[in-house]
PDB file of N, CA and C in Angstrom:
ATOM      1  N   MET A   1     152.789  88.838-123.097  1.00  0.00           N
ATOM      2  CA  MET A   1     153.808  88.389-122.189  1.00  0.00           C
ATOM      3  C   MET A   1     153.602  86.926-121.919  1.00  0.00           C
ATOM      4  N   ILE A   2     154.700  86.165-121.804  1.00  0.00           N
ATOM      5  CA  ILE A   2     154.635  84.735-121.538  1.00  0.00           C
ATOM      6  C   ILE A   2     154.826  84.537-120.026  1.00  0.00           C
ATOM      7  N   HIS A   3     153.963  83.693-119.447  1.00  0.00           N
ATOM      8  CA  HIS A   3     153.950  83.419-118.026  1.00  0.00           C
ATOM      9  C   HIS A   3     153.939  81.907-117.760  1.00  0.00           C
ATOM     10  N   LYS A   4     154.653  81.446-116.783  1.00  0.00           N
ATOM     11  CA  LYS A   4     154.561  80.018-116.475  1.00  0.00           C
ATOM     12  C   LYS A   4     153.278  79.828-115.654  1.00  0.00           C
ATOM     13  N   ILE A   5     152.786  78.551-115.599  1.00  0.00           N
ATOM     14  CA  ILE A   5     151.592  78.174-114.879  1.00  0.00           C
ATOM     15  C   ILE A   5     151.959  77.016-113.965  1.00  0.00           C
ATOM     16  N   ASN A   6     151.594  77.141-112.732  1.00  0.00           N
ATOM     17  CA  ASN A   6     151.733  76.018-111.771  1.00  0.00           C
ATOM     18  C   ASN A   6     150.409  75.310-111.701  1.00  0.00           C
ATOM     19  N   LEU A   7     150.379  74.071-112.227  1.00  0.00           N
ATOM     20  CA  LEU A   7     149.088  73.370-112.325  1.00  0.00           C
ATOM     21  C   LEU A   7     148.453  73.117-110.967  1.00  0.00           C
ATOM     22  N   LEU A   8     149.283  72.743-109.956  1.00  0.00           N
ATOM     23  CA  LEU A   8     148.705  72.474-108.655  1.00  0.00           C
ATOM     24  C   LEU A   8     148.175  73.738-107.971  1.00  0.00           C
ATOM     25  N   GLU A   9     148.878  74.826-108.168  1.00  0.00           N
ATOM     26  CA  GLU A   9     148.425  76.077-107.592  1.00  0.00           C
ATOM     27  C   GLU A   9     147.091  76.502-108.202  1.00  0.00           C
ATOM     28  N   LYS A  10     146.987  76.340-109.540  1.00  0.00           N
ATOM     29  CA  LYS A  10     145.712  76.743-110.221  1.00  0.00           C
ATOM     30  C   LYS A  10     144.579  75.810-109.793  1.00  0.00           C
ATOM     31  N   ALA A  11     144.854  74.546-109.714  1.00  0.00           N
ATOM     32  CA  ALA A  11     143.821  73.564-109.276  1.00  0.00           C
ATOM     33  C   ALA A  11     143.324  73.883-107.893  1.00  0.00           C
ATOM     34  N   ASN A  12     144.277  74.206-106.976  1.00  0.00           N
ATOM     35  CA  ASN A  12     143.960  74.497-105.615  1.00  0.00           C
ATOM     36  C   ASN A  12     143.127  75.779-105.501  1.00  0.00           C
ATOM     37  N   GLY A  13     143.199  76.647-106.512  1.00  0.00           N
ATOM     38  CA  GLY A  13     142.484  77.910-106.475  1.00  0.00           C
ATOM     39  C   GLY A  13     141.029  77.859-106.902  1.00  0.00           C
ATOM     40  N   GLY A  14     140.600  76.714-107.414  1.00  0.00           N
ATOM     41  CA  GLY A  14     139.235  76.600-107.886  1.00  0.00           C
ATOM     42  C   GLY A  14     138.334  75.889-106.863  1.00  0.00           C
ATOM     43  N   ALA A  15     137.082  76.130-106.960  1.00  0.00           N
ATOM     44  CA  ALA A  15     136.085  75.472-106.106  1.00  0.00           C
ATOM     45  C   ALA A  15     135.923  73.994-106.618  1.00  0.00           C
ATOM     46  N   LEU A  16     135.482  73.124-105.724  1.00  0.00           N
ATOM     47  CA  LEU A  16     135.271  71.741-106.103  1.00  0.00           C
ATOM     48  C   LEU A  16     134.373  71.675-107.346  1.00  0.00           C
ATOM     49  N   SER A  17     134.761  70.822-108.310  1.00  0.00           N
ATOM     50  CA  SER A  17     134.036  70.550-109.484  1.00  0.00           C
ATOM     51  C   SER A  17     133.949  71.708-110.482  1.00  0.00           C
ATOM     52  N   GLN A  18     134.643  72.815-110.217  1.00  0.00           N
ATOM     53  CA  GLN A  18     134.600  73.924-111.123  1.00  0.00           C
ATOM     54  C   GLN A  18     135.806  73.866-112.079  1.00  0.00           C
ATOM     55  N   TYR A  19     135.561  73.776-113.347  1.00  0.00           N
ATOM     56  CA  TYR A  19     136.593  73.725-114.362  1.00  0.00           C
ATOM     57  C   TYR A  19     137.186  75.151-114.564  1.00  0.00           C
ATOM     58  N   LEU A  20     138.518  75.261-114.505  1.00  0.00           N
ATOM     59  CA  LEU A  20     139.162  76.555-114.665  1.00  0.00           C
ATOM     60  C   LEU A  20     140.046  76.455-115.968  1.00  0.00           C
ATOM     61  N   GLU A  21     139.724  77.255-116.939  1.00  0.00           N
ATOM     62  CA  GLU A  21     140.541  77.329-118.143  1.00  0.00           C
ATOM     63  C   GLU A  21     141.865  78.054-117.813  1.00  0.00           C
ATOM     64  N   ILE A  22     142.959  77.385-118.060  1.00  0.00           N
ATOM     65  CA  ILE A  22     144.249  77.988-117.711  1.00  0.00           C
ATOM     66  C   ILE A  22     145.067  78.368-118.959  1.00  0.00           C
ATOM     67  N   GLY A  23     144.623  77.982-120.128  1.00  0.00           N
ATOM     68  CA  GLY A  23     145.291  78.373-121.348  1.00  0.00           C
ATOM     69  C   GLY A  23     144.756  77.622-122.564  1.00  0.00           C
ATOM     70  N   ARG A  24     145.439  77.941-123.663  1.00  0.00           N
ATOM     71  CA  ARG A  24     145.109  77.296-124.966  1.00  0.00           C
ATOM     72  C   ARG A  24     146.398  76.930-125.675  1.00  0.00           C
ATOM     73  N   LEU A  25     146.285  75.804-126.378  1.00  0.00           N
ATOM     74  CA  LEU A  25     147.370  75.315-127.193  1.00  0.00           C
ATOM     75  C   LEU A  25     146.831  75.022-128.537  1.00  0.00           C
ATOM     76  N   ASN A  26     147.190  75.892-129.503  1.00  0.00           N
ATOM     77  CA  ASN A  26     146.612  75.833-130.856  1.00  0.00           C
ATOM     78  C   ASN A  26     145.078  75.912-130.703  1.00  0.00           C
ATOM     79  N   ASN A  27     144.325  74.907-131.126  1.00  0.00           N
ATOM     80  CA  ASN A  27     142.860  75.001-130.964  1.00  0.00           C
ATOM     81  C   ASN A  27     142.352  74.053-129.838  1.00  0.00           C
ATOM     82  N   HIS A  28     143.204  73.867-128.842  1.00  0.00           N
ATOM     83  CA  HIS A  28     142.876  73.061-127.669  1.00  0.00           C
ATOM     84  C   HIS A  28     142.757  73.930-126.430  1.00  0.00           C
ATOM     85  N   THR A  29     141.846  73.532-125.540  1.00  0.00           N
ATOM     86  CA  THR A  29     141.630  74.215-124.250  1.00  0.00           C
ATOM     87  C   THR A  29     142.232  73.372-123.172  1.00  0.00           C
ATOM     88  N   LEU A  30     142.948  74.022-122.253  1.00  0.00           N
ATOM     89  CA  LEU A  30     143.501  73.385-121.090  1.00  0.00           C
ATOM     90  C   LEU A  30     142.724  73.817-119.858  1.00  0.00           C
ATOM     91  N   ASN A  31     142.181  72.862-119.134  1.00  0.00           N
ATOM     92  CA  ASN A  31     141.421  73.147-117.898  1.00  0.00           C
ATOM     93  C   ASN A  31     141.962  72.336-116.746  1.00  0.00           C
ATOM     94  N   VAL A  32     141.919  72.952-115.556  1.00  0.00           N
ATOM     95  CA  VAL A  32     142.196  72.190-114.338  1.00  0.00           C
ATOM     96  C   VAL A  32     140.911  72.137-113.534  1.00  0.00           C
ATOM     97  N   VAL A  33     140.793  71.049-112.790  1.00  0.00           N
ATOM     98  CA  VAL A  33     139.608  70.829-111.927  1.00  0.00           C
ATOM     99  C   VAL A  33     140.020  69.974-110.758  1.00  0.00           C
ATOM    100  N   GLN A  34     139.400  70.261-109.634  1.00  0.00           N
ATOM    101  CA  GLN A  34     139.545  69.390-108.469  1.00  0.00           C
ATOM    102  C   GLN A  34     138.147  68.845-108.109  1.00  0.00           C
ATOM    103  N   VAL A  35     138.075  67.543-107.900  1.00  0.00           N
ATOM    104  CA  VAL A  35     136.793  66.878-107.751  1.00  0.00           C
ATOM    105  C   VAL A  35     136.931  65.884-106.599  1.00  0.00           C
ATOM    106  N   GLU A  36     135.809  65.711-105.897  1.00  0.00           N
ATOM    107  CA  GLU A  36     135.777  64.740-104.788  1.00  0.00           C
ATOM    108  C   GLU A  36     134.329  64.203-104.665  1.00  0.00           C
ATOM    109  N   ASN A  37     134.216  62.893-104.451  1.00  0.00           N
ATOM    110  CA  ASN A  37     132.908  62.247-104.289  1.00  0.00           C
ATOM    111  C   ASN A  37     131.935  62.563-105.409  1.00  0.00           C
ATOM    112  N   ARG A  38     132.368  62.336-106.661  1.00  0.00           N
ATOM    113  CA  ARG A  38     131.541  62.688-107.802  1.00  0.00           C
ATOM    114  C   ARG A  38     131.766  61.701-108.953  1.00  0.00           C
ATOM    115  N   THR A  39     130.667  61.266-109.535  1.00  0.00           N
ATOM    116  CA  THR A  39     130.716  60.403-110.715  1.00  0.00           C
ATOM    117  C   THR A  39     129.843  61.042-111.808  1.00  0.00           C
ATOM    118  N   LEU A  40     130.430  61.272-112.930  1.00  0.00           N
ATOM    119  CA  LEU A  40     129.695  61.843-114.033  1.00  0.00           C
ATOM    120  C   LEU A  40     128.917  60.740-114.802  1.00  0.00           C
ATOM    121  N   ASP A  41     127.953  61.128-115.572  1.00  0.00           N
ATOM    122  CA  ASP A  41     127.239  60.201-116.438  1.00  0.00           C
ATOM    123  C   ASP A  41     128.129  59.800-117.563  1.00  0.00           C
ATOM    124  N   PHE A  42     127.888  58.605-118.146  1.00  0.00           N
ATOM    125  CA  PHE A  42     128.640  58.175-119.307  1.00  0.00           C
ATOM    126  C   PHE A  42     128.370  59.184-120.426  1.00  0.00           C
ATOM    127  N   HIS A  43     129.433  59.504-121.157  1.00  0.00           N
ATOM    128  CA  HIS A  43     129.346  60.409-122.270  1.00  0.00           C
ATOM    129  C   HIS A  43     130.477  60.164-123.200  1.00  0.00           C
ATOM    130  N   CYS A  44     130.481  60.726-124.370  1.00  0.00           N
ATOM    131  CA  CYS A  44     131.606  60.684-125.294  1.00  0.00           C
ATOM    132  C   CYS A  44     131.715  62.017-126.006  1.00  0.00           C
ATOM    133  N   HIS A  45     132.869  62.238-126.493  1.00  0.00           N
ATOM    134  CA  HIS A  45     133.139  63.481-127.270  1.00  0.00           C
ATOM    135  C   HIS A  45     133.359  63.027-128.710  1.00  0.00           C
ATOM    136  N   GLU A  46     132.416  63.315-129.570  1.00  0.00           N
ATOM    137  CA  GLU A  46     132.418  62.834-130.937  1.00  0.00           C
ATOM    138  C   GLU A  46     133.534  63.451-131.769  1.00  0.00           C
ATOM    139  N   ASN A  47     133.961  64.679-131.480  1.00  0.00           N
ATOM    140  CA  ASN A  47     134.935  65.373-132.332  1.00  0.00           C
ATOM    141  C   ASN A  47     136.298  65.613-131.706  1.00  0.00           C
ATOM    142  N   SER A  48     136.550  65.110-130.507  1.00  0.00           N
ATOM    143  CA  SER A  48     137.800  65.431-129.840  1.00  0.00           C
ATOM    144  C   SER A  48     138.268  64.263-128.922  1.00  0.00           C
ATOM    145  N   ASP A  49     139.532  63.921-128.983  1.00  0.00           N
ATOM    146  CA  ASP A  49     140.139  63.124-127.996  1.00  0.00           C
ATOM    147  C   ASP A  49     140.153  63.957-126.708  1.00  0.00           C
ATOM    148  N   GLU A  50     140.296  63.295-125.549  1.00  0.00           N
ATOM    149  CA  GLU A  50     140.370  64.022-124.271  1.00  0.00           C
ATOM    150  C   GLU A  50     141.557  63.469-123.456  1.00  0.00           C
ATOM    151  N   LEU A  51     142.436  64.377-123.047  1.00  0.00           N
ATOM    152  CA  LEU A  51     143.577  63.964-122.254  1.00  0.00           C
ATOM    153  C   LEU A  51     143.354  64.312-120.784  1.00  0.00           C
ATOM    154  N   PHE A  52     143.591  63.343-119.924  1.00  0.00           N
ATOM    155  CA  PHE A  52     143.505  63.505-118.471  1.00  0.00           C
ATOM    156  C   PHE A  52     144.922  63.358-117.927  1.00  0.00           C
ATOM    157  N   TYR A  53     145.435  64.330-117.186  1.00  0.00           N
ATOM    158  CA  TYR A  53     146.681  64.260-116.474  1.00  0.00           C
ATOM    159  C   TYR A  53     146.384  64.436-114.984  1.00  0.00           C
ATOM    160  N   VAL A  54     146.747  63.506-114.155  1.00  0.00           N
ATOM    161  CA  VAL A  54     146.473  63.571-112.725  1.00  0.00           C
ATOM    162  C   VAL A  54     147.619  64.383-112.050  1.00  0.00           C
ATOM    163  N   ILE A  55     147.213  65.549-111.593  1.00  0.00           N
ATOM    164  CA  ILE A  55     148.162  66.447-110.866  1.00  0.00           C
ATOM    165  C   ILE A  55     148.365  65.898-109.429  1.00  0.00           C
ATOM    166  N   GLU A  56     147.262  65.508-108.832  1.00  0.00           N
ATOM    167  CA  GLU A  56     147.351  65.013-107.456  1.00  0.00           C
ATOM    168  C   GLU A  56     146.165  64.116-107.189  1.00  0.00           C
ATOM    169  N   GLY A  57     146.375  63.009-106.498  1.00  0.00           N
ATOM    170  CA  GLY A  57     145.276  62.140-106.106  1.00  0.00           C
ATOM    171  C   GLY A  57     145.156  60.924-107.009  1.00  0.00           C
ATOM    172  N   THR A  58     143.980  60.275-106.916  1.00  0.00           N
ATOM    173  CA  THR A  58     143.693  59.016-107.647  1.00  0.00           C
ATOM    174  C   THR A  58     142.200  59.056-108.013  1.00  0.00           C
ATOM    175  N   PHE A  59     141.894  58.553-109.211  1.00  0.00           N
ATOM    176  CA  PHE A  59     140.469  58.380-109.602  1.00  0.00           C
ATOM    177  C   PHE A  59     140.396  57.289-110.633  1.00  0.00           C
ATOM    178  N   GLU A  60     139.198  56.936-111.035  1.00  0.00           N
ATOM    179  CA  GLU A  60     139.052  55.901-112.036  1.00  0.00           C
ATOM    180  C   GLU A  60     138.285  56.499-113.262  1.00  0.00           C
ATOM    181  N   LEU A  61     138.658  56.048-114.414  1.00  0.00           N
ATOM    182  CA  LEU A  61     137.861  56.312-115.593  1.00  0.00           C
ATOM    183  C   LEU A  61     137.148  54.995-115.972  1.00  0.00           C
ATOM    184  N   GLU A  62     135.846  55.072-116.006  1.00  0.00           N
ATOM    185  CA  GLU A  62     135.077  53.891-116.303  1.00  0.00           C
ATOM    186  C   GLU A  62     134.679  53.910-117.794  1.00  0.00           C
ATOM    187  N   PHE A  63     134.885  52.758-118.455  1.00  0.00           N
ATOM    188  CA  PHE A  63     134.528  52.571-119.842  1.00  0.00           C
ATOM    189  C   PHE A  63     133.508  51.485-119.929  1.00  0.00           C
ATOM    190  N   GLU A  64     132.869  51.289-121.053  1.00  0.00           N
ATOM    191  CA  GLU A  64     131.849  50.258-121.168  1.00  0.00           C
ATOM    192  C   GLU A  64     132.429  48.883-120.911  1.00  0.00           C
ATOM    193  N   ASP A  65     133.738  48.690-121.075  1.00  0.00           N
ATOM    194  CA  ASP A  65     134.390  47.387-120.894  1.00  0.00           C
ATOM    195  C   ASP A  65     135.290  47.300-119.658  1.00  0.00           C
ATOM    196  N   GLY A  66     135.191  48.250-118.744  1.00  0.00           N
ATOM    197  CA  GLY A  66     135.990  48.160-117.529  1.00  0.00           C
ATOM    198  C   GLY A  66     136.453  49.517-117.011  1.00  0.00           C
ATOM    199  N   LEU A  67     137.335  49.413-115.965  1.00  0.00           N
ATOM    200  CA  LEU A  67     137.850  50.631-115.307  1.00  0.00           C
ATOM    201  C   LEU A  67     139.312  50.749-115.499  1.00  0.00           C
ATOM    202  N   GLU A  68     139.822  51.955-115.501  1.00  0.00           N
ATOM    203  CA  GLU A  68     141.265  52.260-115.489  1.00  0.00           C
ATOM    204  C   GLU A  68     141.488  53.231-114.344  1.00  0.00           C
ATOM    205  N   THR A  69     142.385  52.811-113.416  1.00  0.00           N
ATOM    206  CA  THR A  69     142.746  53.673-112.296  1.00  0.00           C
ATOM    207  C   THR A  69     143.913  54.549-112.693  1.00  0.00           C
ATOM    208  N   LEU A  70     143.723  55.882-112.390  1.00  0.00           N
ATOM    209  CA  LEU A  70     144.779  56.829-112.690  1.00  0.00           C
ATOM    210  C   LEU A  70     145.299  57.387-111.354  1.00  0.00           C
ATOM    211  N   ASN A  71     146.641  57.427-111.236  1.00  0.00           N
ATOM    212  CA  ASN A  71     147.232  57.957-110.031  1.00  0.00           C
ATOM    213  C   ASN A  71     148.081  59.216-110.389  1.00  0.00           C
ATOM    214  N   GLN A  72     148.492  59.911-109.328  1.00  0.00           N
ATOM    215  CA  GLN A  72     149.286  61.152-109.520  1.00  0.00           C
ATOM    216  C   GLN A  72     150.407  60.900-110.544  1.00  0.00           C
ATOM    217  N   GLY A  73     150.473  61.808-111.541  1.00  0.00           N
ATOM    218  CA  GLY A  73     151.480  61.736-112.604  1.00  0.00           C
ATOM    219  C   GLY A  73     151.040  60.965-113.823  1.00  0.00           C
ATOM    220  N   ASP A  74     149.924  60.222-113.769  1.00  0.00           N
ATOM    221  CA  ASP A  74     149.449  59.420-114.901  1.00  0.00           C
ATOM    222  C   ASP A  74     148.773  60.328-115.899  1.00  0.00           C
ATOM    223  N   VAL A  75     148.889  59.903-117.179  1.00  0.00           N
ATOM    224  CA  VAL A  75     148.170  60.515-118.271  1.00  0.00           C
ATOM    225  C   VAL A  75     147.378  59.415-119.007  1.00  0.00           C
ATOM    226  N   LEU A  76     146.172  59.742-119.383  1.00  0.00           N
ATOM    227  CA  LEU A  76     145.399  58.829-120.205  1.00  0.00           C
ATOM    228  C   LEU A  76     144.632  59.654-121.262  1.00  0.00           C
ATOM    229  N   ILE A  77     144.674  59.178-122.486  1.00  0.00           N
ATOM    230  CA  ILE A  77     144.001  59.843-123.579  1.00  0.00           C
ATOM    231  C   ILE A  77     142.797  58.997-123.994  1.00  0.00           C
ATOM    232  N   VAL A  78     141.579  59.546-123.863  1.00  0.00           N
ATOM    233  CA  VAL A  78     140.368  58.879-124.294  1.00  0.00           C
ATOM    234  C   VAL A  78     140.127  59.302-125.737  1.00  0.00           C
ATOM    235  N   PRO A  79     140.158  58.349-126.676  1.00  0.00           N
ATOM    236  CA  PRO A  79     139.923  58.662-128.091  1.00  0.00           C
ATOM    237  C   PRO A  79     138.536  59.199-128.329  1.00  0.00           C
ATOM    238  N   LYS A  80     138.365  60.074-129.305  1.00  0.00           N
ATOM    239  CA  LYS A  80     137.052  60.568-129.599  1.00  0.00           C
ATOM    240  C   LYS A  80     136.108  59.457-129.916  1.00  0.00           C
ATOM    241  N   GLY A  81     134.864  59.640-129.486  1.00  0.00           N
ATOM    242  CA  GLY A  81     133.810  58.610-129.693  1.00  0.00           C
ATOM    243  C   GLY A  81     133.744  57.491-128.697  1.00  0.00           C
ATOM    244  N   VAL A  82     134.690  57.492-127.709  1.00  0.00           N
ATOM    245  CA  VAL A  82     134.668  56.433-126.696  1.00  0.00           C
ATOM    246  C   VAL A  82     133.893  56.867-125.482  1.00  0.00           C
ATOM    247  N   ARG A  83     132.844  56.073-125.131  1.00  0.00           N
ATOM    248  CA  ARG A  83     132.059  56.420-123.928  1.00  0.00           C
ATOM    249  C   ARG A  83     132.856  56.163-122.683  1.00  0.00           C
ATOM    250  N   HIS A  84     132.778  57.116-121.764  1.00  0.00           N
ATOM    251  CA  HIS A  84     133.541  57.083-120.573  1.00  0.00           C
ATOM    252  C   HIS A  84     132.896  57.954-119.450  1.00  0.00           C
ATOM    253  N   ARG A  85     133.329  57.730-118.229  1.00  0.00           N
ATOM    254  CA  ARG A  85     132.859  58.629-117.150  1.00  0.00           C
ATOM    255  C   ARG A  85     133.914  58.544-116.040  1.00  0.00           C
ATOM    256  N   PRO A  86     134.275  59.721-115.489  1.00  0.00           N
ATOM    257  CA  PRO A  86     135.162  59.786-114.349  1.00  0.00           C
ATOM    258  C   PRO A  86     134.425  59.377-113.103  1.00  0.00           C
ATOM    259  N   VAL A  87     135.120  58.608-112.217  1.00  0.00           N
ATOM    260  CA  VAL A  87     134.583  58.175-110.942  1.00  0.00           C
ATOM    261  C   VAL A  87     135.619  58.651-109.918  1.00  0.00           C
ATOM    262  N   CYS A  88     135.207  59.706-109.170  1.00  0.00           N
ATOM    263  CA  CYS A  88     136.166  60.364-108.215  1.00  0.00           C
ATOM    264  C   CYS A  88     135.597  60.139-106.778  1.00  0.00           C
ATOM    265  N   LYS A  89     136.215  59.204-106.058  1.00  0.00           N
ATOM    266  CA  LYS A  89     135.730  58.913-104.708  1.00  0.00           C
ATOM    267  C   LYS A  89     136.472  59.783-103.674  1.00  0.00           C
ATOM    268  N   THR A  90     137.728  60.076-103.957  1.00  0.00           N
ATOM    269  CA  THR A  90     138.538  60.947-103.038  1.00  0.00           C
ATOM    270  C   THR A  90     138.993  62.182-103.851  1.00  0.00           C
ATOM    271  N   LEU A  91     139.560  63.111-103.144  1.00  0.00           N
ATOM    272  CA  LEU A  91     139.988  64.379-103.800  1.00  0.00           C
ATOM    273  C   LEU A  91     141.024  64.106-104.903  1.00  0.00           C
ATOM    274  N   VAL A  92     140.774  64.587-106.089  1.00  0.00           N
ATOM    275  CA  VAL A  92     141.677  64.465-107.178  1.00  0.00           C
ATOM    276  C   VAL A  92     141.734  65.787-107.906  1.00  0.00           C
ATOM    277  N   LYS A  93     142.982  66.145-108.441  1.00  0.00           N
ATOM    278  CA  LYS A  93     143.162  67.360-109.183  1.00  0.00           C
ATOM    279  C   LYS A  93     143.769  66.964-110.523  1.00  0.00           C
ATOM    280  N   CYS A  94     143.096  67.434-111.591  1.00  0.00           N
ATOM    281  CA  CYS A  94     143.433  67.021-112.932  1.00  0.00           C
ATOM    282  C   CYS A  94     143.588  68.192-113.910  1.00  0.00           C
ATOM    283  N   LEU A  95     144.429  67.932-114.942  1.00  0.00           N
ATOM    284  CA  LEU A  95     144.449  68.810-116.125  1.00  0.00           C
ATOM    285  C   LEU A  95     143.753  68.048-117.225  1.00  0.00           C
ATOM    286  N   LEU A  96     142.854  68.746-117.896  1.00  0.00           N
ATOM    287  CA  LEU A  96     142.125  68.154-119.038  1.00  0.00           C
ATOM    288  C   LEU A  96     142.478  68.982-120.300  1.00  0.00           C
ATOM    289  N   VAL A  97     142.728  68.266-121.381  1.00  0.00           N
ATOM    290  CA  VAL A  97     143.017  68.947-122.635  1.00  0.00           C
ATOM    291  C   VAL A  97     142.194  68.332-123.757  1.00  0.00           C
ATOM    292  N   GLU A  98     141.425  69.206-124.445  1.00  0.00           N
ATOM    293  CA  GLU A  98     140.622  68.787-125.582  1.00  0.00           C
ATOM    294  C   GLU A  98     140.401  69.966-126.502  1.00  0.00           C
ATOM    295  N   LEU A  99     139.813  69.689-127.691  1.00  0.00           N
ATOM    296  CA  LEU A  99     139.511  70.762-128.673  1.00  0.00           C
ATOM    297  C   LEU A  99     138.613  71.792-128.015  1.00  0.00           C
ATOM    298  N   ASP A 100     138.859  73.026-128.410  1.00  0.00           N
ATOM    299  CA  ASP A 100     137.976  74.164-127.907  1.00  0.00           C
ATOM    300  C   ASP A 100     136.528  73.769-128.203  1.00  0.00           C
ATOM    301  N   GLY A 101     135.612  74.030-127.221  1.00  0.00           N
ATOM    302  CA  GLY A 101     134.246  73.795-127.416  1.00  0.00           C
ATOM    303  C   GLY A 101     133.795  72.384-127.045  1.00  0.00           C
ATOM    304  N   THR A 102     134.735  71.458-126.675  1.00  0.00           N
ATOM    305  CA  THR A 102     134.354  70.097-126.336  1.00  0.00           C
ATOM    306  C   THR A 102     133.620  70.022-124.996  1.00  0.00           C
ATOM    307  N   LEU A 103     134.152  70.658-123.986  1.00  0.00           N
ATOM    308  CA  LEU A 103     133.534  70.631-122.690  1.00  0.00           C
ATOM    309  C   LEU A 103     132.301  71.564-122.703  1.00  0.00           C
ATOM    310  N   ASN A 104     131.230  71.135-122.055  1.00  0.00           N
ATOM    311  CA  ASN A 104     130.069  71.926-121.902  1.00  0.00           C
ATOM    312  C   ASN A 104     129.305  71.531-120.609  1.00  0.00           C
ATOM    313  N   GLU A 105     128.233  72.191-120.323  1.00  0.00           N
ATOM    314  CA  GLU A 105     127.550  71.882-119.083  1.00  0.00           C
ATOM    315  C   GLU A 105     126.957  70.465-119.062  1.00  0.00           C
ATOM    316  N   SER A 106     126.555  69.923-120.182  1.00  0.00           N
ATOM    317  CA  SER A 106     125.914  68.606-120.201  1.00  0.00           C
ATOM    318  C   SER A 106     126.944  67.471-119.946  1.00  0.00           C
ATOM    319  N   ASN A 107     128.204  67.582-120.420  1.00  0.00           N
ATOM    320  CA  ASN A 107     129.134  66.547-120.231  1.00  0.00           C
ATOM    321  C   ASN A 107     130.105  66.750-119.051  1.00  0.00           C
ATOM    322  N   THR A 108     129.802  67.785-118.216  1.00  0.00           N
ATOM    323  CA  THR A 108     130.601  68.016-117.034  1.00  0.00           C
ATOM    324  C   THR A 108     129.712  68.097-115.784  1.00  0.00           C
ATOM    325  N   GLY A 109     128.499  67.607-115.916  1.00  0.00           N
ATOM    326  CA  GLY A 109     127.611  67.608-114.751  1.00  0.00           C
ATOM    327  C   GLY A 109     127.113  69.014-114.411  1.00  0.00           C
ATOM    328  N   GLY A 110     127.147  69.942-115.419  1.00  0.00           N
ATOM    329  CA  GLY A 110     126.654  71.257-115.201  1.00  0.00           C
ATOM    330  C   GLY A 110     127.584  72.245-114.574  1.00  0.00           C
ATOM    331  N   THR A 111     128.893  71.868-114.355  1.00  0.00           N
ATOM    332  CA  THR A 111     129.807  72.767-113.659  1.00  0.00           C
ATOM    333  C   THR A 111     130.760  73.481-114.584  1.00  0.00           C
ATOM    334  N   TYR A 112     130.746  73.272-115.833  1.00  0.00           N
ATOM    335  CA  TYR A 112     131.703  73.943-116.753  1.00  0.00           C
ATOM    336  C   TYR A 112     131.160  75.319-117.135  1.00  0.00           C
ATOM    337  N   LYS A 113     131.950  76.297-116.858  1.00  0.00           N
ATOM    338  CA  LYS A 113     131.716  77.657-117.331  1.00  0.00           C
ATOM    339  C   LYS A 113     132.967  78.182-118.004  1.00  0.00           C
ATOM    340  N   LYS A 114     132.829  78.562-119.255  1.00  0.00           N
ATOM    341  CA  LYS A 114     134.010  79.012-120.025  1.00  0.00           C
ATOM    342  C   LYS A 114     134.545  80.308-119.492  1.00  0.00           C
ATOM    343  N   GLN A 115     135.782  80.307-119.005  1.00  0.00           N
ATOM    344  CA  GLN A 115     136.464  81.470-118.601  1.00  0.00           C
ATOM    345  C   GLN A 115     137.976  81.224-118.454  1.00  0.00           C
ATOM    346  N   LEU A 116     138.782  82.212-118.666  1.00  0.00           N
ATOM    347  CA  LEU A 116     140.212  82.121-118.554  1.00  0.00           C
ATOM    348  C   LEU A 116     140.609  82.484-117.162  1.00  0.00           C
ATOM    349  N   ALA A 117     141.309  81.540-116.476  1.00  0.00           N
ATOM    350  CA  ALA A 117     141.727  81.787-115.072  1.00  0.00           C
ATOM    351  C   ALA A 117     142.955  82.679-115.058  1.00  0.00           C
TER     352      ALA A 117
END
């Protein structure tokens, strides 16, 4: 059966910093997460680009050569192999899309658990 998904509703349903898998698109995983007062370590994904879509709020993605501020409705794609880290000072809710198996406990600060919401 095909069902619609409300991204904001799903993001609101998760605990802070807990990634919730909401679906799959071909061999990509779609996760929502809400984060506040959290900065991850610099990391890169060698085999997958990563898409960030800001559902609600504002945060920064830091790269080795600067910062990019993302606001509600913004999308940014980090190419594979590019070192980056999210800097979330206030509450932000995001959709993340990347190849299956890209997210893991080491590149999410230990909060990623694979499960379908």
